[in-house]
Amino acid sequence: MSVMGISCNKTSVPEDAVTYKIGFSQCADDMWRQIMMIQMEAEATKYPNINLNIKVSRNDTEQQVSQIRELIDEGVDLLIISPNESSSQITDIAEEAYLSGIPTIIWDRKIESDMYSTYISADNYEIGRDVGEYVRSILPVGSSILEICGLEGSSPARERHQGFIDVINGHYDITRI
């Protein structure tokens, strides 16, 4: 009887010696987003092998594209993008990151593509519908409504408006700003 043994001696790196680079491209610097960034930084400090790099574009799409390019060039292991708007510029750079093999999370606002690893956000259309239902429950038909929207190029503003309009359209005089 003969016995044959094959062995692969894989050199493994201890888990605590591996550093993961996480890049986060944040579109704005409002209070909600500042708190979120503080919480992300606090969580990252619990893991010495995580290097979190947050870049904030302050509502400037061109700057955000440039910052995402920097994160890609730095070789991030994970890219989180909260798009300033659903423009083709943001979509193109997000797709580039995803197609290059970087796991890409789209956070809070959508891009014009499904080339990303995952999308995390509220159901903005349903939020708009809920507001519309509430308005219908408290205002008589024919009332005037002033709808104040968010950034016009952002997916949450578009989706919330659409959900709102789908419920109240034809029943009220609506002015949108």
N, C-alpha and C. Protein backbone atom coordinates (compact mmCIF):
# COMPACT_ATOMS: atom_id res chain seq x y z
N MET A 1 0.84 -1.17 0.00
CA MET A 1 0.00 0.00 0.00
C MET A 1 0.88 1.23 0.00
N SER A 2 0.55 2.13 -0.90
CA SER A 2 1.34 3.36 -0.90
C SER A 2 0.44 4.52 -0.50
N VAL A 3 1.02 5.45 0.16
CA VAL A 3 0.30 6.64 0.62
C VAL A 3 0.98 7.85 0.02
N MET A 4 0.18 8.69 -0.54
CA MET A 4 0.74 9.90 -1.14
C MET A 4 0.21 11.09 -0.36
N GLY A 5 1.03 11.98 -0.06
CA GLY A 5 0.61 13.19 0.65
C GLY A 5 1.02 14.43 -0.12
N ILE A 6 0.09 15.34 -0.24
CA ILE A 6 0.39 16.62 -0.88
C ILE A 6 0.08 17.70 0.12
N SER A 7 0.98 18.61 0.22
CA SER A 7 0.78 19.68 1.19
C SER A 7 1.07 21.02 0.53
N CYS A 8 0.25 21.94 0.81
CA CYS A 8 0.48 23.31 0.38
C CYS A 8 0.80 24.10 1.62
N ASN A 9 1.97 24.65 1.65
CA ASN A 9 2.35 25.46 2.79
C ASN A 9 2.06 26.91 2.45
N LYS A 10 0.90 27.36 2.80
CA LYS A 10 0.51 28.74 2.55
C LYS A 10 1.08 29.61 3.65
N THR A 11 1.74 30.63 3.26
CA THR A 11 2.20 31.57 4.25
C THR A 11 1.02 32.47 4.57
N SER A 12 0.59 32.42 5.79
CA SER A 12 -0.55 33.25 6.15
C SER A 12 -0.08 34.41 7.02
N VAL A 13 -0.81 35.47 6.87
CA VAL A 13 -0.52 36.67 7.64
C VAL A 13 -1.50 36.69 8.80
N PRO A 14 -1.00 36.87 10.00
CA PRO A 14 -1.93 36.95 11.13
C PRO A 14 -2.95 38.07 10.89
N GLU A 15 -4.19 37.80 11.28
CA GLU A 15 -5.29 38.75 11.05
C GLU A 15 -4.97 40.13 11.59
N ASP A 16 -4.32 40.20 12.74
CA ASP A 16 -4.04 41.51 13.33
C ASP A 16 -2.91 42.26 12.62
N ALA A 17 -2.23 41.60 11.68
CA ALA A 17 -1.17 42.27 10.92
C ALA A 17 -1.68 42.88 9.62
N VAL A 18 -2.89 42.51 9.22
CA VAL A 18 -3.47 43.03 7.99
C VAL A 18 -4.16 44.36 8.30
N THR A 19 -3.90 45.33 7.46
CA THR A 19 -4.57 46.63 7.61
C THR A 19 -5.55 46.79 6.47
N TYR A 20 -6.76 47.17 6.81
CA TYR A 20 -7.80 47.41 5.81
C TYR A 20 -8.01 48.91 5.68
N LYS A 21 -7.99 49.37 4.45
CA LYS A 21 -8.22 50.79 4.16
C LYS A 21 -9.67 50.97 3.73
N ILE A 22 -10.39 51.77 4.48
CA ILE A 22 -11.77 52.09 4.14
C ILE A 22 -11.83 53.56 3.77
N GLY A 23 -12.32 53.83 2.58
CA GLY A 23 -12.49 55.20 2.14
C GLY A 23 -13.96 55.57 2.16
N PHE A 24 -14.24 56.76 2.70
CA PHE A 24 -15.63 57.21 2.77
C PHE A 24 -15.71 58.59 2.12
N SER A 25 -16.44 58.67 1.04
CA SER A 25 -16.65 59.94 0.33
C SER A 25 -18.00 60.50 0.76
N GLN A 26 -17.94 61.53 1.57
CA GLN A 26 -19.14 62.15 2.14
C GLN A 26 -19.48 63.41 1.34
N CYS A 27 -20.75 63.55 0.98
CA CYS A 27 -21.16 64.65 0.11
C CYS A 27 -21.33 65.99 0.83
N ALA A 28 -21.67 65.97 2.09
CA ALA A 28 -22.00 67.21 2.78
C ALA A 28 -21.46 67.19 4.20
N ASP A 29 -21.64 68.30 4.87
CA ASP A 29 -21.07 68.48 6.21
C ASP A 29 -22.14 68.99 7.19
N ASP A 30 -23.39 68.55 7.01
CA ASP A 30 -24.45 69.00 7.92
C ASP A 30 -24.35 68.24 9.24
N MET A 31 -25.15 68.64 10.21
CA MET A 31 -25.06 68.07 11.56
C MET A 31 -25.26 66.55 11.56
N TRP A 32 -26.26 66.05 10.82
CA TRP A 32 -26.51 64.61 10.79
C TRP A 32 -25.29 63.86 10.28
N ARG A 33 -24.69 64.38 9.22
CA ARG A 33 -23.53 63.72 8.63
C ARG A 33 -22.30 63.85 9.53
N GLN A 34 -22.15 64.97 10.21
CA GLN A 34 -21.03 65.12 11.16
C GLN A 34 -21.13 64.08 12.27
N ILE A 35 -22.32 63.89 12.79
CA ILE A 35 -22.52 62.89 13.85
C ILE A 35 -22.21 61.49 13.32
N MET A 36 -22.67 61.20 12.10
CA MET A 36 -22.40 59.89 11.51
C MET A 36 -20.89 59.67 11.36
N MET A 37 -20.17 60.70 10.90
CA MET A 37 -18.72 60.55 10.72
C MET A 37 -18.01 60.35 12.06
N ILE A 38 -18.45 61.05 13.09
CA ILE A 38 -17.87 60.87 14.43
C ILE A 38 -18.11 59.44 14.90
N GLN A 39 -19.31 58.92 14.67
CA GLN A 39 -19.61 57.55 15.08
C GLN A 39 -18.78 56.54 14.30
N MET A 40 -18.59 56.78 13.01
CA MET A 40 -17.77 55.87 12.20
C MET A 40 -16.32 55.88 12.69
N GLU A 41 -15.81 57.08 12.97
CA GLU A 41 -14.43 57.18 13.46
C GLU A 41 -14.28 56.49 14.82
N ALA A 42 -15.26 56.67 15.69
CA ALA A 42 -15.22 56.02 17.01
C ALA A 42 -15.24 54.51 16.86
N GLU A 43 -16.08 54.00 15.97
CA GLU A 43 -16.14 52.56 15.75
C GLU A 43 -14.83 52.03 15.17
N ALA A 44 -14.25 52.77 14.25
CA ALA A 44 -12.99 52.34 13.62
C ALA A 44 -11.85 52.26 14.64
N THR A 45 -11.88 53.09 15.68
CA THR A 45 -10.81 53.05 16.68
C THR A 45 -10.81 51.75 17.47
N LYS A 46 -11.90 51.02 17.44
CA LYS A 46 -11.97 49.73 18.13
C LYS A 46 -11.17 48.65 17.41
N TYR A 47 -10.81 48.92 16.17
CA TYR A 47 -10.11 47.94 15.34
C TYR A 47 -8.80 48.56 14.85
N PRO A 48 -7.69 48.20 15.49
CA PRO A 48 -6.41 48.82 15.12
C PRO A 48 -5.97 48.52 13.69
N ASN A 49 -6.56 47.51 13.05
CA ASN A 49 -6.18 47.16 11.69
C ASN A 49 -7.07 47.84 10.64
N ILE A 50 -7.90 48.80 11.07
CA ILE A 50 -8.71 49.56 10.12
C ILE A 50 -8.21 50.99 10.04
N ASN A 51 -8.00 51.40 8.82
CA ASN A 51 -7.60 52.78 8.53
C ASN A 51 -8.76 53.44 7.79
N LEU A 52 -9.48 54.32 8.46
CA LEU A 52 -10.64 55.00 7.88
C LEU A 52 -10.23 56.37 7.38
N ASN A 53 -10.49 56.61 6.11
CA ASN A 53 -10.16 57.90 5.49
C ASN A 53 -11.46 58.53 4.99
N ILE A 54 -11.89 59.61 5.65
CA ILE A 54 -13.13 60.29 5.28
C ILE A 54 -12.79 61.57 4.53
N LYS A 55 -13.42 61.74 3.38
CA LYS A 55 -13.28 62.96 2.59
C LYS A 55 -14.66 63.58 2.42
N VAL A 56 -14.76 64.88 2.68
CA VAL A 56 -16.03 65.59 2.61
C VAL A 56 -15.95 66.63 1.50
N SER A 57 -16.90 66.56 0.57
CA SER A 57 -16.85 67.46 -0.60
C SER A 57 -17.68 68.74 -0.42
N ARG A 58 -18.43 68.83 0.65
CA ARG A 58 -19.24 70.03 0.94
C ARG A 58 -20.13 70.45 -0.23
N ASN A 59 -20.91 69.48 -0.72
CA ASN A 59 -21.90 69.71 -1.78
C ASN A 59 -21.30 70.10 -3.13
N ASP A 60 -20.07 69.74 -3.37
CA ASP A 60 -19.40 70.06 -4.63
C ASP A 60 -19.13 68.76 -5.37
N THR A 61 -19.90 68.51 -6.42
CA THR A 61 -19.80 67.25 -7.16
C THR A 61 -18.42 67.05 -7.77
N GLU A 62 -17.85 68.08 -8.39
CA GLU A 62 -16.53 67.93 -9.00
C GLU A 62 -15.48 67.60 -7.95
N GLN A 63 -15.57 68.23 -6.78
CA GLN A 63 -14.62 67.93 -5.71
C GLN A 63 -14.82 66.50 -5.22
N GLN A 64 -16.08 66.05 -5.15
CA GLN A 64 -16.32 64.69 -4.70
C GLN A 64 -15.73 63.67 -5.68
N VAL A 65 -15.88 63.91 -6.96
CA VAL A 65 -15.28 63.02 -7.96
C VAL A 65 -13.77 62.96 -7.77
N SER A 66 -13.15 64.11 -7.57
CA SER A 66 -11.70 64.18 -7.36
C SER A 66 -11.30 63.42 -6.09
N GLN A 67 -12.08 63.56 -5.03
CA GLN A 67 -11.78 62.86 -3.78
C GLN A 67 -11.95 61.35 -3.92
N ILE A 68 -12.97 60.92 -4.66
CA ILE A 68 -13.15 59.48 -4.89
C ILE A 68 -11.97 58.95 -5.69
N ARG A 69 -11.52 59.70 -6.68
CA ARG A 69 -10.34 59.32 -7.46
C ARG A 69 -9.14 59.12 -6.52
N GLU A 70 -8.93 60.05 -5.57
CA GLU A 70 -7.83 59.92 -4.61
C GLU A 70 -7.96 58.64 -3.79
N LEU A 71 -9.15 58.32 -3.35
CA LEU A 71 -9.36 57.10 -2.55
C LEU A 71 -9.06 55.85 -3.38
N ILE A 72 -9.49 55.84 -4.64
CA ILE A 72 -9.19 54.71 -5.52
C ILE A 72 -7.68 54.58 -5.70
N ASP A 73 -7.02 55.71 -5.97
CA ASP A 73 -5.57 55.71 -6.19
C ASP A 73 -4.80 55.28 -4.93
N GLU A 74 -5.37 55.54 -3.75
CA GLU A 74 -4.74 55.12 -2.50
C GLU A 74 -4.86 53.62 -2.28
N GLY A 75 -5.69 52.96 -3.08
CA GLY A 75 -5.86 51.52 -2.97
C GLY A 75 -6.75 51.09 -1.81
N VAL A 76 -7.88 51.78 -1.64
CA VAL A 76 -8.78 51.39 -0.55
C VAL A 76 -9.31 49.98 -0.78
N ASP A 77 -9.58 49.30 0.32
CA ASP A 77 -10.13 47.95 0.27
C ASP A 77 -11.65 47.97 0.23
N LEU A 78 -12.24 49.06 0.66
CA LEU A 78 -13.69 49.25 0.67
C LEU A 78 -13.95 50.73 0.45
N LEU A 79 -14.92 51.03 -0.41
CA LEU A 79 -15.27 52.41 -0.70
C LEU A 79 -16.74 52.65 -0.39
N ILE A 80 -17.00 53.65 0.44
CA ILE A 80 -18.36 54.06 0.77
C ILE A 80 -18.58 55.42 0.15
N ILE A 81 -19.65 55.57 -0.63
CA ILE A 81 -19.93 56.83 -1.31
C ILE A 81 -21.33 57.30 -0.93
N SER A 82 -21.40 58.51 -0.40
CA SER A 82 -22.68 59.18 -0.22
C SER A 82 -22.72 60.27 -1.28
N PRO A 83 -23.32 59.98 -2.44
CA PRO A 83 -23.23 60.89 -3.59
C PRO A 83 -23.89 62.25 -3.34
N ASN A 84 -23.21 63.31 -3.78
CA ASN A 84 -23.80 64.64 -3.69
C ASN A 84 -25.07 64.70 -4.53
N GLU A 85 -25.01 64.11 -5.70
CA GLU A 85 -26.16 64.05 -6.59
C GLU A 85 -26.02 62.80 -7.47
N SER A 86 -27.06 62.48 -8.16
CA SER A 86 -27.04 61.27 -9.01
C SER A 86 -26.51 61.60 -10.41
N SER A 87 -25.50 62.41 -10.48
CA SER A 87 -24.98 62.84 -11.77
C SER A 87 -24.17 61.74 -12.44
N SER A 88 -23.97 61.92 -13.74
CA SER A 88 -23.16 60.94 -14.47
C SER A 88 -21.71 60.95 -13.98
N GLN A 89 -21.23 62.10 -13.49
CA GLN A 89 -19.85 62.17 -12.99
C GLN A 89 -19.67 61.23 -11.80
N ILE A 90 -20.58 61.31 -10.83
CA ILE A 90 -20.48 60.45 -9.65
C ILE A 90 -20.72 58.99 -10.05
N THR A 91 -21.70 58.77 -10.91
CA THR A 91 -21.99 57.42 -11.37
C THR A 91 -20.77 56.80 -12.04
N ASP A 92 -20.13 57.56 -12.93
CA ASP A 92 -18.97 57.03 -13.66
C ASP A 92 -17.83 56.62 -12.73
N ILE A 93 -17.51 57.46 -11.73
CA ILE A 93 -16.38 57.14 -10.85
C ILE A 93 -16.76 56.00 -9.89
N ALA A 94 -18.02 55.92 -9.49
CA ALA A 94 -18.45 54.82 -8.63
C ALA A 94 -18.38 53.49 -9.40
N GLU A 95 -18.83 53.52 -10.66
CA GLU A 95 -18.74 52.32 -11.49
C GLU A 95 -17.29 51.90 -11.70
N GLU A 96 -16.42 52.88 -11.92
CA GLU A 96 -15.00 52.58 -12.12
C GLU A 96 -14.43 51.86 -10.90
N ALA A 97 -14.76 52.36 -9.70
CA ALA A 97 -14.27 51.72 -8.47
C ALA A 97 -14.79 50.28 -8.39
N TYR A 98 -16.07 50.12 -8.61
CA TYR A 98 -16.70 48.80 -8.53
C TYR A 98 -16.10 47.83 -9.55
N LEU A 99 -15.96 48.29 -10.80
CA LEU A 99 -15.42 47.42 -11.85
C LEU A 99 -13.94 47.08 -11.64
N SER A 100 -13.24 47.91 -10.85
CA SER A 100 -11.84 47.63 -10.57
C SER A 100 -11.69 46.61 -9.44
N GLY A 101 -12.82 46.19 -8.86
CA GLY A 101 -12.77 45.17 -7.82
C GLY A 101 -12.89 45.71 -6.40
N ILE A 102 -13.10 47.00 -6.25
CA ILE A 102 -13.25 47.57 -4.91
C ILE A 102 -14.72 47.40 -4.49
N PRO A 103 -14.97 46.70 -3.39
CA PRO A 103 -16.36 46.64 -2.90
C PRO A 103 -16.84 48.08 -2.65
N THR A 104 -17.99 48.42 -3.21
CA THR A 104 -18.47 49.80 -3.19
C THR A 104 -19.88 49.85 -2.60
N ILE A 105 -19.99 50.61 -1.53
CA ILE A 105 -21.28 50.81 -0.87
C ILE A 105 -21.78 52.20 -1.23
N ILE A 106 -22.99 52.27 -1.76
CA ILE A 106 -23.63 53.55 -2.02
C ILE A 106 -24.54 53.82 -0.84
N TRP A 107 -24.33 54.95 -0.19
CA TRP A 107 -24.99 55.27 1.08
C TRP A 107 -25.91 56.47 0.92
N ASP A 108 -27.13 56.35 1.34
CA ASP A 108 -28.10 57.43 1.49
C ASP A 108 -28.69 57.96 0.19
N ARG A 109 -27.90 58.20 -0.81
CA ARG A 109 -28.37 58.72 -2.09
C ARG A 109 -27.91 57.78 -3.20
N LYS A 110 -28.73 57.68 -4.24
CA LYS A 110 -28.44 56.73 -5.33
C LYS A 110 -27.53 57.33 -6.39
N ILE A 111 -26.97 56.42 -7.20
CA ILE A 111 -26.30 56.80 -8.43
C ILE A 111 -27.18 56.30 -9.58
N GLU A 112 -26.81 56.61 -10.81
CA GLU A 112 -27.62 56.22 -11.97
C GLU A 112 -27.14 54.90 -12.55
N SER A 113 -26.93 53.91 -11.69
CA SER A 113 -26.41 52.62 -12.11
C SER A 113 -26.68 51.61 -11.01
N ASP A 114 -26.58 50.34 -11.35
CA ASP A 114 -26.65 49.31 -10.32
C ASP A 114 -25.30 48.62 -10.15
N MET A 115 -24.23 49.29 -10.62
CA MET A 115 -22.88 48.74 -10.47
C MET A 115 -22.28 49.22 -9.15
N TYR A 116 -22.64 48.51 -8.09
CA TYR A 116 -22.11 48.73 -6.75
C TYR A 116 -22.36 47.46 -5.97
N SER A 117 -21.71 47.32 -4.84
CA SER A 117 -21.86 46.10 -4.04
C SER A 117 -23.17 46.09 -3.27
N THR A 118 -23.52 47.24 -2.69
CA THR A 118 -24.78 47.34 -1.96
C THR A 118 -25.19 48.80 -1.85
N TYR A 119 -26.47 49.00 -1.62
CA TYR A 119 -27.04 50.33 -1.43
C TYR A 119 -27.76 50.34 -0.10
N ILE A 120 -27.48 51.35 0.72
CA ILE A 120 -28.09 51.45 2.04
C ILE A 120 -28.77 52.81 2.15
N SER A 121 -30.06 52.81 2.40
CA SER A 121 -30.80 54.06 2.54
C SER A 121 -32.21 53.76 3.02
N ALA A 122 -32.91 54.84 3.28
CA ALA A 122 -34.33 54.74 3.61
C ALA A 122 -35.12 54.56 2.31
N ASP A 123 -36.38 54.18 2.43
CA ASP A 123 -37.27 54.11 1.27
C ASP A 123 -37.87 55.50 1.10
N ASN A 124 -37.19 56.34 0.34
CA ASN A 124 -37.58 57.74 0.21
C ASN A 124 -38.92 57.93 -0.49
N TYR A 125 -39.23 57.08 -1.43
CA TYR A 125 -40.54 57.16 -2.08
C TYR A 125 -41.64 56.94 -1.04
N GLU A 126 -41.46 55.94 -0.20
CA GLU A 126 -42.47 55.63 0.83
C GLU A 126 -42.57 56.76 1.86
N ILE A 127 -41.46 57.40 2.17
CA ILE A 127 -41.49 58.56 3.08
C ILE A 127 -42.36 59.65 2.47
N GLY A 128 -42.19 59.92 1.18
CA GLY A 128 -43.01 60.92 0.50
C GLY A 128 -44.49 60.55 0.52
N ARG A 129 -44.78 59.27 0.29
CA ARG A 129 -46.18 58.81 0.34
C ARG A 129 -46.76 58.99 1.74
N ASP A 130 -45.97 58.65 2.76
CA ASP A 130 -46.45 58.81 4.14
C ASP A 130 -46.78 60.27 4.45
N VAL A 131 -45.92 61.18 4.00
CA VAL A 131 -46.19 62.61 4.21
C VAL A 131 -47.45 63.01 3.46
N GLY A 132 -47.61 62.53 2.23
CA GLY A 132 -48.81 62.83 1.47
C GLY A 132 -50.07 62.33 2.16
N GLU A 133 -50.02 61.12 2.71
CA GLU A 133 -51.17 60.57 3.44
C GLU A 133 -51.48 61.43 4.67
N TYR A 134 -50.44 61.87 5.35
CA TYR A 134 -50.65 62.72 6.53
C TYR A 134 -51.30 64.05 6.12
N VAL A 135 -50.79 64.66 5.06
CA VAL A 135 -51.35 65.93 4.57
C VAL A 135 -52.83 65.73 4.23
N ARG A 136 -53.15 64.67 3.55
CA ARG A 136 -54.55 64.41 3.18
C ARG A 136 -55.44 64.22 4.41
N SER A 137 -54.84 63.74 5.50
CA SER A 137 -55.64 63.53 6.72
C SER A 137 -55.90 64.81 7.49
N ILE A 138 -55.10 65.87 7.24
CA ILE A 138 -55.28 67.09 8.04
C ILE A 138 -55.72 68.31 7.24
N LEU A 139 -55.53 68.30 5.92
CA LEU A 139 -55.89 69.48 5.11
C LEU A 139 -57.08 69.17 4.22
N PRO A 140 -58.01 70.11 4.12
CA PRO A 140 -59.13 69.90 3.19
C PRO A 140 -58.66 69.98 1.74
N VAL A 141 -59.33 69.23 0.88
CA VAL A 141 -59.05 69.27 -0.55
C VAL A 141 -59.14 70.72 -1.03
N GLY A 142 -58.21 71.11 -1.90
CA GLY A 142 -58.18 72.47 -2.44
C GLY A 142 -57.24 73.40 -1.69
N SER A 143 -56.69 72.93 -0.56
CA SER A 143 -55.74 73.77 0.18
C SER A 143 -54.48 74.01 -0.64
N SER A 144 -53.77 75.08 -0.31
CA SER A 144 -52.49 75.38 -0.95
C SER A 144 -51.37 74.78 -0.10
N ILE A 145 -50.41 74.17 -0.77
CA ILE A 145 -49.28 73.53 -0.09
C ILE A 145 -48.00 74.09 -0.68
N LEU A 146 -47.06 74.44 0.19
CA LEU A 146 -45.72 74.82 -0.22
C LEU A 146 -44.80 73.64 0.08
N GLU A 147 -44.30 73.01 -0.96
CA GLU A 147 -43.41 71.87 -0.79
C GLU A 147 -41.97 72.37 -0.86
N ILE A 148 -41.23 72.19 0.22
CA ILE A 148 -39.83 72.60 0.27
C ILE A 148 -39.00 71.34 0.09
N CYS A 149 -38.21 71.32 -0.98
CA CYS A 149 -37.46 70.12 -1.34
C CYS A 149 -35.98 70.26 -1.00
N GLY A 150 -35.32 69.14 -0.97
CA GLY A 150 -33.88 69.12 -0.77
C GLY A 150 -33.15 69.42 -2.07
N LEU A 151 -31.88 69.06 -2.13
CA LEU A 151 -31.06 69.27 -3.31
C LEU A 151 -31.73 68.63 -4.52
N GLU A 152 -32.02 69.43 -5.53
CA GLU A 152 -32.79 68.96 -6.68
C GLU A 152 -32.17 67.77 -7.39
N GLY A 153 -30.85 67.67 -7.42
CA GLY A 153 -30.20 66.57 -8.12
C GLY A 153 -30.03 65.32 -7.28
N SER A 154 -30.54 65.34 -6.05
CA SER A 154 -30.35 64.17 -5.19
C SER A 154 -31.53 63.21 -5.31
N SER A 155 -31.23 61.93 -5.21
CA SER A 155 -32.28 60.92 -5.34
C SER A 155 -33.30 61.00 -4.20
N PRO A 156 -32.93 61.28 -2.94
CA PRO A 156 -33.97 61.36 -1.91
C PRO A 156 -35.00 62.46 -2.19
N ALA A 157 -34.53 63.62 -2.66
CA ALA A 157 -35.46 64.72 -2.96
C ALA A 157 -36.42 64.32 -4.08
N ARG A 158 -35.91 63.70 -5.13
CA ARG A 158 -36.76 63.27 -6.25
C ARG A 158 -37.76 62.21 -5.81
N GLU A 159 -37.28 61.21 -5.08
CA GLU A 159 -38.14 60.10 -4.68
C GLU A 159 -39.19 60.52 -3.67
N ARG A 160 -38.82 61.35 -2.70
CA ARG A 160 -39.80 61.83 -1.72
C ARG A 160 -40.87 62.68 -2.41
N HIS A 161 -40.43 63.54 -3.33
CA HIS A 161 -41.39 64.36 -4.07
C HIS A 161 -42.36 63.47 -4.85
N GLN A 162 -41.83 62.45 -5.53
CA GLN A 162 -42.69 61.59 -6.34
C GLN A 162 -43.71 60.85 -5.48
N GLY A 163 -43.28 60.32 -4.34
CA GLY A 163 -44.20 59.65 -3.44
C GLY A 163 -45.27 60.59 -2.92
N PHE A 164 -44.87 61.81 -2.58
CA PHE A 164 -45.78 62.84 -2.10
C PHE A 164 -46.83 63.18 -3.16
N ILE A 165 -46.34 63.45 -4.38
CA ILE A 165 -47.21 63.85 -5.48
C ILE A 165 -48.17 62.71 -5.85
N ASP A 166 -47.70 61.47 -5.82
CA ASP A 166 -48.55 60.34 -6.17
C ASP A 166 -49.76 60.23 -5.24
N VAL A 167 -49.64 60.72 -4.01
CA VAL A 167 -50.75 60.64 -3.07
C VAL A 167 -51.65 61.87 -3.14
N ILE A 168 -51.07 63.06 -3.29
CA ILE A 168 -51.89 64.27 -3.17
C ILE A 168 -52.22 64.95 -4.49
N ASN A 169 -51.60 64.54 -5.57
CA ASN A 169 -51.78 65.21 -6.86
C ASN A 169 -53.26 65.30 -7.24
N GLY A 170 -53.65 66.46 -7.70
CA GLY A 170 -55.02 66.67 -8.13
C GLY A 170 -55.95 67.11 -7.01
N HIS A 171 -55.49 67.04 -5.79
CA HIS A 171 -56.34 67.40 -4.66
C HIS A 171 -55.97 68.75 -4.04
N TYR A 172 -54.75 69.24 -4.36
CA TYR A 172 -54.24 70.45 -3.71
C TYR A 172 -53.53 71.32 -4.74
N ASP A 173 -53.39 72.59 -4.39
CA ASP A 173 -52.60 73.54 -5.17
C ASP A 173 -51.19 73.51 -4.59
N ILE A 174 -50.23 72.99 -5.36
CA ILE A 174 -48.87 72.76 -4.83
C ILE A 174 -47.89 73.72 -5.48
N THR A 175 -47.10 74.38 -4.65
CA THR A 175 -45.98 75.19 -5.10
C THR A 175 -44.72 74.52 -4.57
N ARG A 176 -43.75 74.27 -5.42
CA ARG A 176 -42.54 73.55 -5.03
C ARG A 176 -41.35 74.51 -5.08
N ILE A 177 -40.60 74.55 -3.98
CA ILE A 177 -39.34 75.33 -3.98
C ILE A 177 -38.22 74.46 -3.48
